[in-house]
Amino acid sequence: MDRYYIEAFLDQNKTEIRGRVLELGDASYTRKFGGDRVSQSDVLHVAPGNPQATIVADLANAGHIPSDLFDCIIFTQSLQMIYEFKAALRTLFRILRPGGHLLLTTHGISRIGRRLGRDDWGEYWRFTTQSASALMAETFPGAGVEVQSRGNVLSATAFLHGLAAEELTSTELDYRDPDFEVVISVKARKPG
């Protein structure tokens, strides 16, 4: 269910996926939505060992990544996994080129995704459109920011019950109810 909303958001903003692009974990969305607009694709991972990673860094403490480097950063479903999320967002702002775009998603209504002791990292936070808007105003000063929610009571319930997006119609999925935020999407353009 959440991937339906994430991919719809990225498809809606695919023209921003261009130039030098950074994505977390792997470059699948960069390839799928960037195509020939991408001149260089980088993959960030927090720990060594990911063969696709071109940059290994903890975004909360990543002074070794040069500033103003990326035209686009695709940052899906990861903010809630970073304990020091404000520091991570400040790093993303710093490494984004002036005029570049951050395309970020995080979940609202969902099951817990990661637990310390069971997974390599935990899940610490839940965000809403209201908290995401306030957070972006604080960590992306002067940026043009668009925050939206995707989902509704039916898709939220279906998601919590483990149904796949294919089990609902596009009309059922695409209806937006601001009281049932399944996925929160953020598009931020760094000034300059």
N, C-alpha and C. Protein backbone atom coordinates (compact mmCIF):
# COMPACT_ATOMS: atom_id res chain seq x y z
N MET A 1 0.82 -1.19 0.00
CA MET A 1 0.00 0.00 0.00
C MET A 1 0.87 1.26 0.00
N ASP A 2 1.87 1.30 0.89
CA ASP A 2 2.70 2.50 0.98
C ASP A 2 3.50 2.72 -0.30
N ARG A 3 3.95 1.64 -0.93
CA ARG A 3 4.73 1.79 -2.17
C ARG A 3 3.88 2.42 -3.28
N TYR A 4 2.60 2.16 -3.28
CA TYR A 4 1.71 2.78 -4.26
C TYR A 4 1.79 4.31 -4.13
N TYR A 5 1.70 4.79 -2.89
CA TYR A 5 1.74 6.24 -2.64
C TYR A 5 3.12 6.83 -2.89
N ILE A 6 4.17 6.11 -2.51
CA ILE A 6 5.54 6.57 -2.73
C ILE A 6 5.81 6.71 -4.22
N GLU A 7 5.45 5.69 -4.97
CA GLU A 7 5.71 5.72 -6.42
C GLU A 7 4.85 6.76 -7.12
N ALA A 8 3.65 6.99 -6.66
CA ALA A 8 2.81 8.05 -7.25
C ALA A 8 3.45 9.42 -7.01
N PHE A 9 3.99 9.63 -5.82
CA PHE A 9 4.67 10.89 -5.49
C PHE A 9 5.91 11.08 -6.36
N LEU A 10 6.72 10.03 -6.48
CA LEU A 10 7.93 10.14 -7.30
C LEU A 10 7.60 10.32 -8.78
N ASP A 11 6.57 9.64 -9.26
CA ASP A 11 6.15 9.81 -10.65
C ASP A 11 5.67 11.24 -10.89
N GLN A 12 4.95 11.79 -9.94
CA GLN A 12 4.44 13.16 -10.03
C GLN A 12 5.60 14.16 -10.09
N ASN A 13 6.74 13.83 -9.50
CA ASN A 13 7.89 14.73 -9.41
C ASN A 13 9.11 14.23 -10.18
N LYS A 14 8.90 13.37 -11.14
CA LYS A 14 10.03 12.74 -11.84
C LYS A 14 10.91 13.73 -12.59
N THR A 15 10.39 14.87 -13.01
CA THR A 15 11.23 15.84 -13.72
C THR A 15 12.31 16.42 -12.81
N GLU A 16 12.12 16.33 -11.50
CA GLU A 16 13.13 16.82 -10.54
C GLU A 16 14.24 15.80 -10.34
N ILE A 17 14.02 14.56 -10.75
CA ILE A 17 15.03 13.50 -10.60
C ILE A 17 15.94 13.59 -11.82
N ARG A 18 17.02 14.37 -11.66
CA ARG A 18 17.90 14.70 -12.78
C ARG A 18 19.27 15.07 -12.24
N GLY A 19 20.24 15.13 -13.15
CA GLY A 19 21.60 15.51 -12.76
C GLY A 19 22.21 14.45 -11.86
N ARG A 20 22.88 14.90 -10.83
CA ARG A 20 23.48 13.98 -9.86
C ARG A 20 22.45 13.70 -8.78
N VAL A 21 22.11 12.42 -8.62
CA VAL A 21 21.03 12.00 -7.73
C VAL A 21 21.58 11.08 -6.65
N LEU A 22 21.14 11.32 -5.42
CA LEU A 22 21.47 10.46 -4.29
C LEU A 22 20.21 9.76 -3.82
N GLU A 23 20.34 8.44 -3.58
CA GLU A 23 19.22 7.65 -3.06
C GLU A 23 19.76 6.76 -1.95
N LEU A 24 18.93 6.42 -1.00
CA LEU A 24 19.33 5.56 0.10
C LEU A 24 19.16 4.09 -0.25
N GLY A 25 20.14 3.27 0.11
CA GLY A 25 20.02 1.83 0.00
C GLY A 25 20.32 1.24 -1.36
N ASP A 26 19.65 1.73 -2.38
CA ASP A 26 19.87 1.30 -3.76
C ASP A 26 19.34 2.39 -4.68
N ALA A 27 19.58 2.24 -5.96
CA ALA A 27 19.21 3.28 -6.93
C ALA A 27 17.97 2.92 -7.74
N SER A 28 17.10 2.08 -7.20
CA SER A 28 15.96 1.61 -8.00
C SER A 28 15.01 2.73 -8.39
N TYR A 29 14.71 3.64 -7.49
CA TYR A 29 13.81 4.75 -7.86
C TYR A 29 14.51 5.74 -8.78
N THR A 30 15.80 5.93 -8.60
CA THR A 30 16.56 6.81 -9.50
C THR A 30 16.45 6.29 -10.93
N ARG A 31 16.66 4.99 -11.10
CA ARG A 31 16.56 4.39 -12.43
C ARG A 31 15.13 4.45 -12.96
N LYS A 32 14.17 4.09 -12.12
CA LYS A 32 12.78 4.00 -12.57
C LYS A 32 12.20 5.35 -12.96
N PHE A 33 12.50 6.39 -12.19
CA PHE A 33 11.85 7.68 -12.42
C PHE A 33 12.78 8.74 -13.02
N GLY A 34 14.10 8.52 -12.97
CA GLY A 34 15.04 9.52 -13.49
C GLY A 34 15.43 9.30 -14.93
N GLY A 35 15.57 8.03 -15.30
CA GLY A 35 15.92 7.71 -16.68
C GLY A 35 17.16 8.43 -17.17
N ASP A 36 17.08 8.94 -18.39
CA ASP A 36 18.24 9.59 -18.99
C ASP A 36 18.47 11.02 -18.50
N ARG A 37 17.63 11.52 -17.60
CA ARG A 37 17.85 12.83 -16.99
C ARG A 37 18.95 12.78 -15.93
N VAL A 38 19.30 11.57 -15.49
CA VAL A 38 20.29 11.38 -14.43
C VAL A 38 21.68 11.24 -15.06
N SER A 39 22.60 12.12 -14.66
CA SER A 39 23.97 12.05 -15.17
C SER A 39 24.87 11.23 -14.25
N GLN A 40 24.55 11.20 -12.96
CA GLN A 40 25.31 10.38 -12.01
C GLN A 40 24.38 9.95 -10.90
N SER A 41 24.46 8.68 -10.55
CA SER A 41 23.64 8.11 -9.50
C SER A 41 24.53 7.65 -8.35
N ASP A 42 24.23 8.13 -7.15
CA ASP A 42 24.95 7.72 -5.95
C ASP A 42 23.99 7.04 -5.01
N VAL A 43 24.51 6.09 -4.24
CA VAL A 43 23.72 5.36 -3.25
C VAL A 43 24.38 5.56 -1.90
N LEU A 44 23.59 5.96 -0.92
CA LEU A 44 24.07 6.15 0.45
C LEU A 44 23.62 4.99 1.31
N HIS A 45 24.53 4.52 2.14
CA HIS A 45 24.16 3.52 3.15
C HIS A 45 24.87 3.88 4.44
N VAL A 46 24.21 3.60 5.55
CA VAL A 46 24.73 3.99 6.86
C VAL A 46 25.90 3.12 7.32
N ALA A 47 25.99 1.90 6.83
CA ALA A 47 27.04 0.98 7.27
C ALA A 47 27.76 0.37 6.08
N PRO A 48 29.04 0.05 6.24
CA PRO A 48 29.76 -0.63 5.16
C PRO A 48 29.12 -1.98 4.85
N GLY A 49 29.33 -2.46 3.65
CA GLY A 49 28.86 -3.79 3.29
C GLY A 49 27.81 -3.82 2.20
N ASN A 50 27.20 -2.68 1.89
CA ASN A 50 26.23 -2.63 0.80
C ASN A 50 27.02 -2.45 -0.50
N PRO A 51 27.04 -3.45 -1.37
CA PRO A 51 27.84 -3.35 -2.59
C PRO A 51 27.39 -2.24 -3.54
N GLN A 52 26.17 -1.75 -3.38
CA GLN A 52 25.68 -0.67 -4.25
C GLN A 52 26.06 0.71 -3.73
N ALA A 53 26.48 0.79 -2.47
CA ALA A 53 26.76 2.09 -1.84
C ALA A 53 28.00 2.74 -2.44
N THR A 54 27.84 3.99 -2.84
CA THR A 54 28.98 4.80 -3.29
C THR A 54 29.41 5.75 -2.18
N ILE A 55 28.53 5.95 -1.19
CA ILE A 55 28.82 6.79 -0.03
C ILE A 55 28.35 6.05 1.22
N VAL A 56 29.25 5.92 2.20
CA VAL A 56 28.88 5.33 3.49
C VAL A 56 28.93 6.45 4.51
N ALA A 57 27.78 6.71 5.14
CA ALA A 57 27.71 7.81 6.09
C ALA A 57 26.46 7.71 6.95
N ASP A 58 26.59 8.21 8.15
CA ASP A 58 25.46 8.44 9.04
C ASP A 58 25.07 9.90 8.81
N LEU A 59 23.92 10.13 8.25
CA LEU A 59 23.53 11.50 7.89
C LEU A 59 23.49 12.45 9.08
N ALA A 60 23.36 11.94 10.28
CA ALA A 60 23.37 12.80 11.46
C ALA A 60 24.76 13.33 11.76
N ASN A 61 25.79 12.72 11.15
CA ASN A 61 27.17 13.14 11.37
C ASN A 61 27.98 12.83 10.11
N ALA A 62 27.75 13.60 9.06
CA ALA A 62 28.34 13.29 7.75
C ALA A 62 29.11 14.48 7.18
N GLY A 63 29.98 15.06 7.98
CA GLY A 63 30.76 16.22 7.53
C GLY A 63 31.67 15.91 6.36
N HIS A 64 31.97 14.64 6.12
CA HIS A 64 32.86 14.26 5.02
C HIS A 64 32.18 14.30 3.65
N ILE A 65 30.86 14.40 3.61
CA ILE A 65 30.18 14.53 2.31
C ILE A 65 30.24 16.01 1.91
N PRO A 66 30.77 16.31 0.72
CA PRO A 66 30.88 17.71 0.31
C PRO A 66 29.52 18.40 0.22
N SER A 67 29.52 19.69 0.46
CA SER A 67 28.31 20.51 0.36
C SER A 67 27.94 20.74 -1.11
N ASP A 68 26.66 21.07 -1.33
CA ASP A 68 26.16 21.48 -2.66
C ASP A 68 26.51 20.47 -3.75
N LEU A 69 26.30 19.20 -3.48
CA LEU A 69 26.75 18.13 -4.37
C LEU A 69 25.66 17.55 -5.27
N PHE A 70 24.43 17.47 -4.75
CA PHE A 70 23.39 16.71 -5.45
C PHE A 70 22.29 17.62 -5.99
N ASP A 71 21.83 17.28 -7.20
CA ASP A 71 20.70 17.98 -7.80
C ASP A 71 19.37 17.47 -7.25
N CYS A 72 19.38 16.21 -6.82
CA CYS A 72 18.17 15.60 -6.28
C CYS A 72 18.56 14.55 -5.25
N ILE A 73 17.80 14.48 -4.17
CA ILE A 73 17.98 13.43 -3.17
C ILE A 73 16.63 12.74 -2.99
N ILE A 74 16.63 11.44 -3.22
CA ILE A 74 15.42 10.61 -3.00
C ILE A 74 15.58 9.94 -1.65
N PHE A 75 14.70 10.29 -0.74
CA PHE A 75 14.83 9.87 0.67
C PHE A 75 13.50 9.28 1.13
N THR A 76 13.28 8.01 0.80
CA THR A 76 11.98 7.40 1.08
C THR A 76 12.01 6.51 2.31
N GLN A 77 10.98 6.67 3.13
CA GLN A 77 10.68 5.80 4.26
C GLN A 77 11.89 5.55 5.16
N SER A 78 12.67 6.59 5.44
CA SER A 78 13.87 6.43 6.26
C SER A 78 13.96 7.41 7.42
N LEU A 79 13.30 8.55 7.35
CA LEU A 79 13.45 9.56 8.39
C LEU A 79 13.08 9.02 9.76
N GLN A 80 12.06 8.18 9.83
CA GLN A 80 11.62 7.64 11.11
C GLN A 80 12.62 6.66 11.71
N MET A 81 13.60 6.22 10.93
CA MET A 81 14.61 5.27 11.40
C MET A 81 15.86 5.97 11.94
N ILE A 82 15.92 7.28 11.85
CA ILE A 82 17.10 8.04 12.27
C ILE A 82 16.78 8.76 13.57
N TYR A 83 17.48 8.39 14.63
CA TYR A 83 17.20 8.98 15.93
C TYR A 83 17.41 10.49 15.91
N GLU A 84 18.53 10.94 15.34
CA GLU A 84 18.83 12.37 15.26
C GLU A 84 18.37 12.92 13.90
N PHE A 85 17.06 12.89 13.68
CA PHE A 85 16.51 13.22 12.37
C PHE A 85 16.73 14.67 11.97
N LYS A 86 16.76 15.60 12.93
CA LYS A 86 16.99 17.01 12.57
C LYS A 86 18.41 17.20 12.02
N ALA A 87 19.38 16.54 12.64
CA ALA A 87 20.76 16.62 12.14
C ALA A 87 20.84 16.01 10.74
N ALA A 88 20.14 14.92 10.51
CA ALA A 88 20.12 14.29 9.19
C ALA A 88 19.52 15.23 8.15
N LEU A 89 18.44 15.89 8.49
CA LEU A 89 17.82 16.83 7.54
C LEU A 89 18.72 18.03 7.26
N ARG A 90 19.42 18.51 8.28
CA ARG A 90 20.37 19.61 8.05
C ARG A 90 21.48 19.16 7.09
N THR A 91 21.94 17.91 7.21
CA THR A 91 22.94 17.39 6.28
C THR A 91 22.37 17.33 4.87
N LEU A 92 21.15 16.83 4.73
CA LEU A 92 20.53 16.77 3.40
C LEU A 92 20.44 18.16 2.78
N PHE A 93 20.07 19.14 3.57
CA PHE A 93 20.01 20.52 3.07
C PHE A 93 21.39 20.98 2.60
N ARG A 94 22.41 20.69 3.39
CA ARG A 94 23.78 21.13 3.10
C ARG A 94 24.32 20.48 1.82
N ILE A 95 24.05 19.20 1.61
CA ILE A 95 24.64 18.49 0.46
C ILE A 95 23.82 18.65 -0.83
N LEU A 96 22.65 19.24 -0.72
CA LEU A 96 21.82 19.52 -1.89
C LEU A 96 22.32 20.80 -2.56
N ARG A 97 22.45 20.76 -3.87
CA ARG A 97 22.86 21.97 -4.61
C ARG A 97 21.77 23.02 -4.53
N PRO A 98 22.15 24.30 -4.60
CA PRO A 98 21.13 25.34 -4.71
C PRO A 98 20.25 25.07 -5.94
N GLY A 99 18.96 25.12 -5.75
CA GLY A 99 18.01 24.80 -6.81
C GLY A 99 17.65 23.33 -6.87
N GLY A 100 18.35 22.50 -6.09
CA GLY A 100 18.10 21.06 -6.08
C GLY A 100 16.89 20.70 -5.24
N HIS A 101 16.42 19.46 -5.42
CA HIS A 101 15.20 19.01 -4.76
C HIS A 101 15.42 17.81 -3.85
N LEU A 102 14.81 17.86 -2.70
CA LEU A 102 14.69 16.70 -1.82
C LEU A 102 13.29 16.14 -2.02
N LEU A 103 13.21 14.86 -2.33
CA LEU A 103 11.93 14.15 -2.45
C LEU A 103 11.90 13.14 -1.31
N LEU A 104 11.13 13.41 -0.29
CA LEU A 104 11.13 12.64 0.95
C LEU A 104 9.74 12.07 1.22
N THR A 105 9.71 10.83 1.66
CA THR A 105 8.46 10.26 2.17
C THR A 105 8.73 9.63 3.52
N THR A 106 7.70 9.61 4.33
CA THR A 106 7.74 8.92 5.62
C THR A 106 6.33 8.40 5.87
N HIS A 107 6.24 7.40 6.71
CA HIS A 107 4.90 6.87 6.91
C HIS A 107 4.19 7.56 8.07
N GLY A 108 2.90 7.56 7.96
CA GLY A 108 2.04 8.07 9.02
C GLY A 108 1.44 6.88 9.74
N ILE A 109 0.37 6.35 9.18
CA ILE A 109 -0.32 5.21 9.77
C ILE A 109 0.30 3.93 9.21
N SER A 110 0.92 3.14 10.07
CA SER A 110 1.47 1.86 9.64
C SER A 110 1.91 1.07 10.87
N ARG A 111 2.28 -0.16 10.63
CA ARG A 111 2.83 -0.97 11.72
C ARG A 111 4.26 -0.51 11.97
N ILE A 112 4.84 -0.91 13.09
CA ILE A 112 6.24 -0.62 13.39
C ILE A 112 7.09 -1.39 12.38
N GLY A 113 8.05 -0.73 11.77
CA GLY A 113 8.86 -1.34 10.73
C GLY A 113 10.13 -2.00 11.23
N ARG A 114 10.75 -1.45 12.26
CA ARG A 114 12.04 -1.95 12.74
C ARG A 114 12.10 -1.88 14.26
N ARG A 115 12.77 -2.84 14.86
CA ARG A 115 12.99 -2.83 16.30
C ARG A 115 14.45 -3.14 16.59
N LEU A 116 15.05 -2.33 17.46
CA LEU A 116 16.42 -2.61 17.89
C LEU A 116 16.45 -3.98 18.54
N GLY A 117 17.53 -4.70 18.30
CA GLY A 117 17.65 -6.05 18.83
C GLY A 117 17.12 -7.10 17.88
N ARG A 118 16.17 -6.72 17.03
CA ARG A 118 15.63 -7.64 16.03
C ARG A 118 16.14 -7.28 14.64
N ASP A 119 16.32 -5.99 14.40
CA ASP A 119 16.80 -5.48 13.13
C ASP A 119 18.10 -4.71 13.37
N ASP A 120 18.77 -4.33 12.28
CA ASP A 120 20.01 -3.57 12.42
C ASP A 120 19.80 -2.17 12.98
N TRP A 121 18.64 -1.62 12.77
CA TRP A 121 18.34 -0.29 13.31
C TRP A 121 16.88 -0.26 13.74
N GLY A 122 16.56 0.71 14.54
CA GLY A 122 15.20 0.81 15.08
C GLY A 122 14.36 1.82 14.34
N GLU A 123 13.14 1.93 14.79
CA GLU A 123 12.22 2.95 14.29
C GLU A 123 11.84 3.82 15.48
N TYR A 124 12.09 5.13 15.36
CA TYR A 124 11.98 6.02 16.50
C TYR A 124 10.81 6.99 16.46
N TRP A 125 10.37 7.40 15.29
CA TRP A 125 9.46 8.54 15.19
C TRP A 125 8.27 8.25 14.29
N ARG A 126 7.21 8.99 14.49
CA ARG A 126 6.04 9.07 13.61
C ARG A 126 5.85 10.54 13.28
N PHE A 127 5.55 10.81 12.05
CA PHE A 127 5.36 12.18 11.61
C PHE A 127 3.95 12.37 11.07
N THR A 128 3.51 13.61 11.03
CA THR A 128 2.25 14.02 10.43
C THR A 128 2.58 15.14 9.43
N THR A 129 1.61 15.54 8.65
CA THR A 129 1.88 16.66 7.75
C THR A 129 2.20 17.92 8.55
N GLN A 130 1.55 18.06 9.70
CA GLN A 130 1.80 19.23 10.54
C GLN A 130 3.23 19.22 11.08
N SER A 131 3.69 18.09 11.60
CA SER A 131 5.05 18.03 12.13
C SER A 131 6.08 18.12 11.00
N ALA A 132 5.80 17.50 9.86
CA ALA A 132 6.72 17.57 8.72
C ALA A 132 6.86 19.01 8.22
N SER A 133 5.78 19.75 8.17
CA SER A 133 5.83 21.15 7.73
C SER A 133 6.67 21.98 8.68
N ALA A 134 6.46 21.82 9.98
CA ALA A 134 7.23 22.57 10.97
C ALA A 134 8.70 22.17 10.93
N LEU A 135 8.97 20.89 10.80
CA LEU A 135 10.33 20.38 10.74
C LEU A 135 11.07 20.91 9.51
N MET A 136 10.42 20.91 8.36
CA MET A 136 11.06 21.40 7.15
C MET A 136 11.31 22.90 7.22
N ALA A 137 10.40 23.65 7.82
CA ALA A 137 10.62 25.09 7.97
C ALA A 137 11.85 25.36 8.83
N GLU A 138 12.09 24.50 9.80
CA GLU A 138 13.23 24.65 10.70
C GLU A 138 14.55 24.18 10.07
N THR A 139 14.54 23.07 9.36
CA THR A 139 15.79 22.47 8.88
C THR A 139 16.12 22.80 7.43
N PHE A 140 15.16 23.29 6.67
CA PHE A 140 15.37 23.69 5.29
C PHE A 140 14.99 25.17 5.16
N PRO A 141 15.76 26.07 5.81
CA PRO A 141 15.38 27.49 5.84
C PRO A 141 15.32 28.09 4.44
N GLY A 142 14.25 28.81 4.18
CA GLY A 142 14.08 29.50 2.91
C GLY A 142 13.71 28.62 1.73
N ALA A 143 13.57 27.33 1.97
CA ALA A 143 13.26 26.41 0.87
C ALA A 143 11.79 26.49 0.50
N GLY A 144 11.52 26.20 -0.75
CA GLY A 144 10.14 26.02 -1.19
C GLY A 144 9.74 24.60 -0.81
N VAL A 145 8.76 24.46 0.04
CA VAL A 145 8.39 23.14 0.58
C VAL A 145 6.92 22.86 0.32
N GLU A 146 6.65 21.65 -0.18
CA GLU A 146 5.28 21.16 -0.34
C GLU A 146 5.15 19.87 0.47
N VAL A 147 4.23 19.86 1.42
CA VAL A 147 3.98 18.68 2.24
C VAL A 147 2.56 18.21 1.98
N GLN A 148 2.40 16.92 1.71
CA GLN A 148 1.07 16.36 1.45
C GLN A 148 0.93 15.03 2.16
N SER A 149 -0.31 14.67 2.42
CA SER A 149 -0.57 13.31 2.90
C SER A 149 -1.27 12.55 1.78
N ARG A 150 -1.10 11.25 1.84
CA ARG A 150 -1.75 10.36 0.89
C ARG A 150 -2.40 9.26 1.69
N GLY A 151 -3.61 8.92 1.33
CA GLY A 151 -4.31 7.85 2.01
C GLY A 151 -5.67 8.29 2.52
N ASN A 152 -6.38 7.33 3.08
CA ASN A 152 -7.73 7.55 3.59
C ASN A 152 -8.04 6.41 4.55
N VAL A 153 -9.22 6.43 5.14
CA VAL A 153 -9.54 5.41 6.14
C VAL A 153 -9.54 4.00 5.53
N LEU A 154 -10.02 3.86 4.31
CA LEU A 154 -10.04 2.54 3.68
C LEU A 154 -8.62 2.03 3.41
N SER A 155 -7.77 2.87 2.81
CA SER A 155 -6.41 2.41 2.51
C SER A 155 -5.61 2.20 3.79
N ALA A 156 -5.84 3.02 4.81
CA ALA A 156 -5.14 2.83 6.09
C ALA A 156 -5.54 1.50 6.72
N THR A 157 -6.82 1.21 6.73
CA THR A 157 -7.30 -0.05 7.29
C THR A 157 -6.78 -1.23 6.49
N ALA A 158 -6.84 -1.12 5.19
CA ALA A 158 -6.34 -2.20 4.33
C ALA A 158 -4.85 -2.42 4.56
N PHE A 159 -4.09 -1.34 4.68
CA PHE A 159 -2.66 -1.43 4.92
C PHE A 159 -2.36 -2.12 6.25
N LEU A 160 -3.08 -1.75 7.29
CA LEU A 160 -2.88 -2.36 8.61
C LEU A 160 -3.26 -3.83 8.62
N HIS A 161 -4.18 -4.21 7.75
CA HIS A 161 -4.59 -5.62 7.64
C HIS A 161 -3.68 -6.40 6.69
N GLY A 162 -2.71 -5.74 6.07
CA GLY A 162 -1.77 -6.43 5.21
C GLY A 162 -2.21 -6.63 3.79
N LEU A 163 -3.26 -5.91 3.36
CA LEU A 163 -3.70 -6.02 1.97
C LEU A 163 -2.71 -5.31 1.05
N ALA A 164 -2.67 -5.71 -0.18
CA ALA A 164 -1.83 -5.07 -1.19
C ALA A 164 -2.64 -4.01 -1.92
N ALA A 165 -1.94 -3.05 -2.49
CA ALA A 165 -2.60 -1.97 -3.23
C ALA A 165 -3.46 -2.51 -4.36
N GLU A 166 -3.07 -3.63 -4.95
CA GLU A 166 -3.81 -4.22 -6.06
C GLU A 166 -5.19 -4.72 -5.65
N GLU A 167 -5.43 -4.81 -4.35
CA GLU A 167 -6.73 -5.29 -3.87
C GLU A 167 -7.75 -4.16 -3.74
N LEU A 168 -7.31 -2.92 -3.97
CA LEU A 168 -8.21 -1.77 -3.98
C LEU A 168 -8.17 -1.14 -5.37
N THR A 169 -9.20 -0.38 -5.70
CA THR A 169 -9.20 0.32 -6.99
C THR A 169 -8.40 1.61 -6.86
N SER A 170 -7.98 2.17 -7.98
CA SER A 170 -7.25 3.44 -7.93
C SER A 170 -8.12 4.55 -7.35
N THR A 171 -9.42 4.50 -7.58
CA THR A 171 -10.33 5.49 -6.99
C THR A 171 -10.31 5.38 -5.47
N GLU A 172 -10.33 4.16 -4.97
CA GLU A 172 -10.28 3.95 -3.51
C GLU A 172 -8.94 4.40 -2.93
N LEU A 173 -7.86 4.13 -3.64
CA LEU A 173 -6.53 4.49 -3.16
C LEU A 173 -6.26 5.99 -3.25
N ASP A 174 -6.72 6.61 -4.32
CA ASP A 174 -6.35 8.00 -4.59
C ASP A 174 -7.16 9.03 -3.82
N TYR A 175 -8.26 8.62 -3.22
CA TYR A 175 -9.02 9.57 -2.40
C TYR A 175 -8.17 9.98 -1.21
N ARG A 176 -8.06 11.27 -0.97
CA ARG A 176 -7.23 11.78 0.13
C ARG A 176 -8.12 12.29 1.26
N ASP A 177 -7.89 11.73 2.43
CA ASP A 177 -8.57 12.16 3.64
C ASP A 177 -7.50 12.64 4.61
N PRO A 178 -7.47 13.94 4.92
CA PRO A 178 -6.39 14.48 5.77
C PRO A 178 -6.37 13.92 7.19
N ASP A 179 -7.40 13.21 7.58
CA ASP A 179 -7.41 12.62 8.92
C ASP A 179 -6.81 11.22 8.96
N PHE A 180 -6.43 10.68 7.80
CA PHE A 180 -5.84 9.34 7.72
C PHE A 180 -4.62 9.40 6.81
N GLU A 181 -3.51 9.80 7.38
CA GLU A 181 -2.27 10.01 6.64
C GLU A 181 -1.48 8.69 6.60
N VAL A 182 -1.57 7.97 5.51
CA VAL A 182 -0.84 6.71 5.36
C VAL A 182 0.62 7.01 5.02
N VAL A 183 0.85 7.90 4.07
CA VAL A 183 2.20 8.32 3.69
C VAL A 183 2.22 9.84 3.64
N ILE A 184 3.28 10.41 4.17
CA ILE A 184 3.50 11.86 4.09
C ILE A 184 4.61 12.09 3.07
N SER A 185 4.38 12.97 2.14
CA SER A 185 5.39 13.28 1.13
C SER A 185 5.82 14.73 1.26
N VAL A 186 7.13 14.94 1.03
CA VAL A 186 7.71 16.27 1.12
C VAL A 186 8.55 16.52 -0.12
N LYS A 187 8.28 17.62 -0.78
CA LYS A 187 9.11 18.09 -1.88
C LYS A 187 9.68 19.43 -1.42
N ALA A 188 11.02 19.51 -1.34
CA ALA A 188 11.67 20.74 -0.89
C ALA A 188 12.71 21.15 -1.91
N ARG A 189 12.67 22.40 -2.30
CA ARG A 189 13.65 22.96 -3.25
C ARG A 189 14.57 23.91 -2.49
N LYS A 190 15.86 23.59 -2.52
CA LYS A 190 16.84 24.44 -1.83
C LYS A 190 16.95 25.77 -2.57
N PRO A 191 16.90 26.88 -1.85
CA PRO A 191 16.98 28.17 -2.52
C PRO A 191 18.30 28.36 -3.26
N GLY A 192 18.23 29.18 -4.30
CA GLY A 192 19.46 29.52 -5.02
C GLY A 192 19.35 29.30 -6.48
